[in-house]
Amino acid sequence: MNVKPLADRVLVEPKEAETKTASGLFIPDTAKEKPQAGTVVAVGPGKKDEPMELKVGDKVLYGKYAGTELNVDGKIYIMMRQSDVMAVVE
């Protein structure tokens, strides 16, 4: 992958959607919810007045409609601004 975000943008690889419920029932593709968590795979340099706080490898939570989906080499990523990320999960 050769994608380098600009300014305050980050590239996130979304976590896989759940395929089974806690009780063991399988969820069909049409009923799966869009994941709201993922791993940062690339970050931009930040802005002059807003330094980049995220780094590659951070596990993050973001809004349901945050960012733009990109298909790079057959894999789905989400490009979003740093401000679209709600939390870093440790």
N, C-alpha and C. Protein backbone atom coordinates (compact mmCIF):
# COMPACT_ATOMS: atom_id res chain seq x y z
N MET A 1 0.85 -1.17 0.00
CA MET A 1 0.00 0.00 0.00
C MET A 1 0.89 1.23 0.00
N ASN A 2 0.54 2.18 -0.85
CA ASN A 2 1.35 3.39 -0.97
C ASN A 2 0.46 4.63 -0.88
N VAL A 3 -0.26 4.77 0.24
CA VAL A 3 -1.15 5.91 0.45
C VAL A 3 -0.59 6.72 1.61
N LYS A 4 -0.35 8.02 1.37
CA LYS A 4 0.16 8.89 2.42
C LYS A 4 -0.84 10.02 2.65
N PRO A 5 -1.52 10.03 3.81
CA PRO A 5 -2.49 11.09 4.10
C PRO A 5 -1.80 12.46 4.19
N LEU A 6 -2.56 13.50 3.86
CA LEU A 6 -2.07 14.86 3.94
C LEU A 6 -2.68 15.56 5.15
N ALA A 7 -2.01 16.61 5.61
CA ALA A 7 -2.46 17.48 6.70
C ALA A 7 -2.86 16.67 7.93
N ASP A 8 -4.09 16.84 8.41
CA ASP A 8 -4.52 16.19 9.65
C ASP A 8 -5.35 14.93 9.40
N ARG A 9 -5.14 14.29 8.28
CA ARG A 9 -5.92 13.09 7.95
C ARG A 9 -5.19 11.82 8.40
N VAL A 10 -5.99 10.78 8.69
CA VAL A 10 -5.47 9.47 9.07
C VAL A 10 -6.15 8.41 8.23
N LEU A 11 -5.45 7.34 7.95
CA LEU A 11 -5.99 6.20 7.21
C LEU A 11 -6.20 5.08 8.22
N VAL A 12 -7.45 4.59 8.31
CA VAL A 12 -7.81 3.59 9.30
C VAL A 12 -8.26 2.31 8.61
N GLU A 13 -7.77 1.18 9.09
CA GLU A 13 -8.26 -0.12 8.63
C GLU A 13 -9.36 -0.55 9.59
N PRO A 14 -10.63 -0.59 9.11
CA PRO A 14 -11.73 -0.93 10.02
C PRO A 14 -11.65 -2.36 10.52
N LYS A 15 -12.12 -2.55 11.73
CA LYS A 15 -12.21 -3.88 12.33
C LYS A 15 -13.27 -4.68 11.58
N GLU A 16 -13.09 -5.97 11.47
CA GLU A 16 -14.07 -6.82 10.80
C GLU A 16 -15.41 -6.76 11.52
N ALA A 17 -16.50 -6.76 10.77
CA ALA A 17 -17.84 -6.78 11.35
C ALA A 17 -18.09 -8.12 12.01
N GLU A 18 -18.86 -8.09 13.09
CA GLU A 18 -19.19 -9.31 13.82
C GLU A 18 -19.98 -10.25 12.92
N THR A 19 -19.64 -11.54 12.95
CA THR A 19 -20.35 -12.53 12.15
C THR A 19 -21.27 -13.39 13.00
N LYS A 20 -21.08 -13.36 14.34
CA LYS A 20 -21.88 -14.16 15.26
C LYS A 20 -22.28 -13.33 16.46
N THR A 21 -23.46 -13.59 16.99
CA THR A 21 -23.89 -12.91 18.21
C THR A 21 -23.26 -13.58 19.42
N ALA A 22 -23.42 -12.98 20.58
CA ALA A 22 -22.87 -13.56 21.80
C ALA A 22 -23.48 -14.93 22.11
N SER A 23 -24.72 -15.14 21.67
CA SER A 23 -25.37 -16.43 21.92
C SER A 23 -25.07 -17.48 20.85
N GLY A 24 -24.30 -17.10 19.82
CA GLY A 24 -23.89 -18.06 18.82
C GLY A 24 -24.66 -18.05 17.52
N LEU A 25 -25.59 -17.12 17.36
CA LEU A 25 -26.34 -17.03 16.11
C LEU A 25 -25.51 -16.31 15.05
N PHE A 26 -25.56 -16.80 13.82
CA PHE A 26 -24.83 -16.17 12.73
C PHE A 26 -25.62 -14.98 12.19
N ILE A 27 -24.91 -13.88 11.91
CA ILE A 27 -25.53 -12.66 11.40
C ILE A 27 -25.38 -12.65 9.88
N PRO A 28 -26.49 -12.51 9.13
CA PRO A 28 -26.37 -12.45 7.67
C PRO A 28 -25.71 -11.15 7.23
N ASP A 29 -25.12 -11.15 6.04
CA ASP A 29 -24.43 -9.97 5.52
C ASP A 29 -25.31 -8.73 5.47
N THR A 30 -26.59 -8.92 5.20
CA THR A 30 -27.50 -7.78 5.09
C THR A 30 -27.81 -7.14 6.43
N ALA A 31 -27.57 -7.82 7.53
CA ALA A 31 -27.88 -7.29 8.86
C ALA A 31 -26.65 -6.84 9.63
N LYS A 32 -25.46 -7.02 9.06
CA LYS A 32 -24.24 -6.62 9.76
C LYS A 32 -24.16 -5.11 9.87
N GLU A 33 -23.71 -4.64 11.04
CA GLU A 33 -23.54 -3.21 11.26
C GLU A 33 -22.14 -2.78 10.83
N LYS A 34 -22.04 -1.56 10.36
CA LYS A 34 -20.76 -1.01 9.96
C LYS A 34 -19.88 -0.86 11.21
N PRO A 35 -18.64 -1.35 11.18
CA PRO A 35 -17.78 -1.24 12.37
C PRO A 35 -17.45 0.21 12.68
N GLN A 36 -17.25 0.51 13.96
CA GLN A 36 -16.90 1.85 14.39
C GLN A 36 -15.57 1.86 15.12
N ALA A 37 -14.75 0.87 14.85
CA ALA A 37 -13.43 0.77 15.45
C ALA A 37 -12.45 0.28 14.40
N GLY A 38 -11.19 0.62 14.59
CA GLY A 38 -10.18 0.18 13.64
C GLY A 38 -8.79 0.51 14.11
N THR A 39 -7.82 0.27 13.23
CA THR A 39 -6.41 0.51 13.53
C THR A 39 -5.86 1.52 12.54
N VAL A 40 -5.12 2.49 13.06
CA VAL A 40 -4.50 3.52 12.21
C VAL A 40 -3.34 2.89 11.46
N VAL A 41 -3.33 3.02 10.12
CA VAL A 41 -2.26 2.44 9.32
C VAL A 41 -1.36 3.51 8.69
N ALA A 42 -1.81 4.77 8.65
CA ALA A 42 -0.99 5.86 8.13
C ALA A 42 -1.53 7.18 8.67
N VAL A 43 -0.63 8.13 8.91
CA VAL A 43 -1.03 9.45 9.42
C VAL A 43 -0.35 10.54 8.61
N GLY A 44 -1.02 11.69 8.52
CA GLY A 44 -0.44 12.85 7.87
C GLY A 44 0.47 13.59 8.85
N PRO A 45 1.14 14.66 8.38
CA PRO A 45 2.06 15.40 9.24
C PRO A 45 1.38 16.32 10.25
N GLY A 46 0.08 16.56 10.11
CA GLY A 46 -0.64 17.47 10.99
C GLY A 46 -0.67 18.86 10.39
N LYS A 47 -1.31 19.78 11.10
CA LYS A 47 -1.38 21.17 10.67
C LYS A 47 -0.48 22.01 11.56
N LYS A 48 -0.18 23.22 11.10
CA LYS A 48 0.71 24.10 11.86
C LYS A 48 0.13 24.39 13.25
N ASP A 49 -1.16 24.66 13.32
CA ASP A 49 -1.79 25.00 14.59
C ASP A 49 -2.44 23.80 15.28
N GLU A 50 -2.34 22.61 14.67
CA GLU A 50 -2.95 21.40 15.25
C GLU A 50 -2.02 20.20 15.01
N PRO A 51 -1.13 19.91 15.97
CA PRO A 51 -0.19 18.80 15.77
C PRO A 51 -0.91 17.45 15.74
N MET A 52 -0.32 16.48 15.10
CA MET A 52 -0.88 15.13 14.97
C MET A 52 -0.69 14.39 16.30
N GLU A 53 -1.80 13.96 16.90
CA GLU A 53 -1.76 13.23 18.16
C GLU A 53 -1.79 11.72 17.95
N LEU A 54 -2.34 11.27 16.82
CA LEU A 54 -2.44 9.84 16.53
C LEU A 54 -1.16 9.34 15.89
N LYS A 55 -0.90 8.05 16.05
CA LYS A 55 0.27 7.44 15.40
C LYS A 55 -0.12 6.09 14.82
N VAL A 56 0.69 5.58 13.94
CA VAL A 56 0.43 4.29 13.30
C VAL A 56 0.35 3.21 14.38
N GLY A 57 -0.67 2.37 14.29
CA GLY A 57 -0.84 1.28 15.24
C GLY A 57 -1.87 1.57 16.32
N ASP A 58 -2.28 2.84 16.48
CA ASP A 58 -3.30 3.17 17.48
C ASP A 58 -4.62 2.49 17.12
N LYS A 59 -5.29 1.95 18.13
CA LYS A 59 -6.64 1.40 17.94
C LYS A 59 -7.60 2.51 18.32
N VAL A 60 -8.51 2.85 17.39
CA VAL A 60 -9.35 4.02 17.57
C VAL A 60 -10.84 3.70 17.42
N LEU A 61 -11.67 4.56 17.98
CA LEU A 61 -13.12 4.53 17.81
C LEU A 61 -13.51 5.78 17.06
N TYR A 62 -14.43 5.65 16.11
CA TYR A 62 -14.85 6.79 15.30
C TYR A 62 -16.35 6.71 15.06
N GLY A 63 -16.92 7.80 14.58
CA GLY A 63 -18.36 7.88 14.33
C GLY A 63 -18.80 6.98 13.20
N LYS A 64 -20.07 6.64 13.20
CA LYS A 64 -20.64 5.72 12.22
C LYS A 64 -20.49 6.23 10.78
N TYR A 65 -20.61 7.54 10.59
CA TYR A 65 -20.55 8.10 9.24
C TYR A 65 -19.28 8.92 9.01
N ALA A 66 -18.25 8.69 9.80
CA ALA A 66 -17.00 9.44 9.69
C ALA A 66 -16.19 8.97 8.49
N GLY A 67 -15.53 9.91 7.84
CA GLY A 67 -14.57 9.59 6.80
C GLY A 67 -15.15 9.12 5.49
N THR A 68 -14.22 8.74 4.61
CA THR A 68 -14.55 8.28 3.27
C THR A 68 -13.91 6.91 3.05
N GLU A 69 -14.71 5.95 2.59
CA GLU A 69 -14.17 4.61 2.33
C GLU A 69 -13.33 4.61 1.07
N LEU A 70 -12.18 3.94 1.13
CA LEU A 70 -11.29 3.78 -0.01
C LEU A 70 -11.03 2.30 -0.22
N ASN A 71 -10.96 1.89 -1.48
CA ASN A 71 -10.61 0.52 -1.81
C ASN A 71 -9.20 0.55 -2.40
N VAL A 72 -8.22 0.06 -1.64
CA VAL A 72 -6.83 0.06 -2.08
C VAL A 72 -6.36 -1.39 -2.15
N ASP A 73 -6.00 -1.83 -3.34
CA ASP A 73 -5.53 -3.21 -3.56
C ASP A 73 -6.54 -4.24 -3.05
N GLY A 74 -7.84 -3.96 -3.23
CA GLY A 74 -8.87 -4.91 -2.83
C GLY A 74 -9.20 -4.91 -1.35
N LYS A 75 -8.61 -3.99 -0.59
CA LYS A 75 -8.86 -3.91 0.85
C LYS A 75 -9.53 -2.58 1.16
N ILE A 76 -10.47 -2.58 2.10
CA ILE A 76 -11.22 -1.38 2.44
C ILE A 76 -10.52 -0.62 3.57
N TYR A 77 -10.34 0.69 3.38
CA TYR A 77 -9.79 1.59 4.39
C TYR A 77 -10.72 2.78 4.51
N ILE A 78 -10.57 3.55 5.60
CA ILE A 78 -11.35 4.77 5.77
C ILE A 78 -10.38 5.92 6.00
N MET A 79 -10.51 6.97 5.17
CA MET A 79 -9.70 8.18 5.33
C MET A 79 -10.55 9.19 6.08
N MET A 80 -10.03 9.70 7.20
CA MET A 80 -10.79 10.67 7.99
C MET A 80 -9.86 11.68 8.62
N ARG A 81 -10.43 12.77 9.08
CA ARG A 81 -9.66 13.78 9.79
C ARG A 81 -9.41 13.29 11.22
N GLN A 82 -8.33 13.78 11.79
CA GLN A 82 -8.01 13.43 13.17
C GLN A 82 -9.17 13.78 14.11
N SER A 83 -9.87 14.88 13.82
CA SER A 83 -10.97 15.31 14.68
C SER A 83 -12.18 14.38 14.61
N ASP A 84 -12.27 13.51 13.57
CA ASP A 84 -13.36 12.53 13.47
C ASP A 84 -13.16 11.35 14.42
N VAL A 85 -11.95 11.17 14.92
CA VAL A 85 -11.66 10.07 15.84
C VAL A 85 -12.12 10.50 17.23
N MET A 86 -12.95 9.64 17.85
CA MET A 86 -13.51 9.99 19.15
C MET A 86 -12.63 9.55 20.31
N ALA A 87 -11.90 8.43 20.17
CA ALA A 87 -11.10 7.93 21.28
C ALA A 87 -10.03 6.96 20.80
N VAL A 88 -8.97 6.86 21.57
CA VAL A 88 -7.93 5.85 21.35
C VAL A 88 -8.14 4.77 22.41
N VAL A 89 -8.20 3.52 21.99
CA VAL A 89 -8.43 2.40 22.90
C VAL A 89 -7.09 1.78 23.23
N GLU A 90 -6.83 1.62 24.50
CA GLU A 90 -5.54 1.03 24.92
C GLU A 90 -5.70 -0.39 25.38
